[in-house]
Amino acid sequence: MQQRFLTLADVAEVLNITMAQTKALVRTGALPAVKIGGRGIWRVESSMLEDYIERMYAETREAIARATEAVDAPNATGGSGTRFEPDDEGTDDAREA
């Protein structure tokens, strides 16, 4: 049986990110979580993590599509637009071509 709730350490491991990055996702509300118990230990529901991953895939597809459209449409200076290059931290990195 799959666990319903994951610790932040579990989430960090699944996403292959640091605990600080995991806490930031929770703190900003990007990844819904709940505090459980008297000590207020954070837990993330497995389904919420899967929803987050799906949202990130969708956002990535949209960013790639926008970058592709920009490359296909030359800009006013005659350049070729921008191209999409993911960086090591997983953020968009659009650079002049």
Foldseek 3Di string as FASTA:
>chain_A
DDDQKDALVVLCVVVVHDSVVSVVCPVVVLQPWFQDDPVRGIIGTPVSSVVSVVVLVVVVVVVQVVQVVQQPDQDPVRFRGWHWDQDPVRDTDIDGD
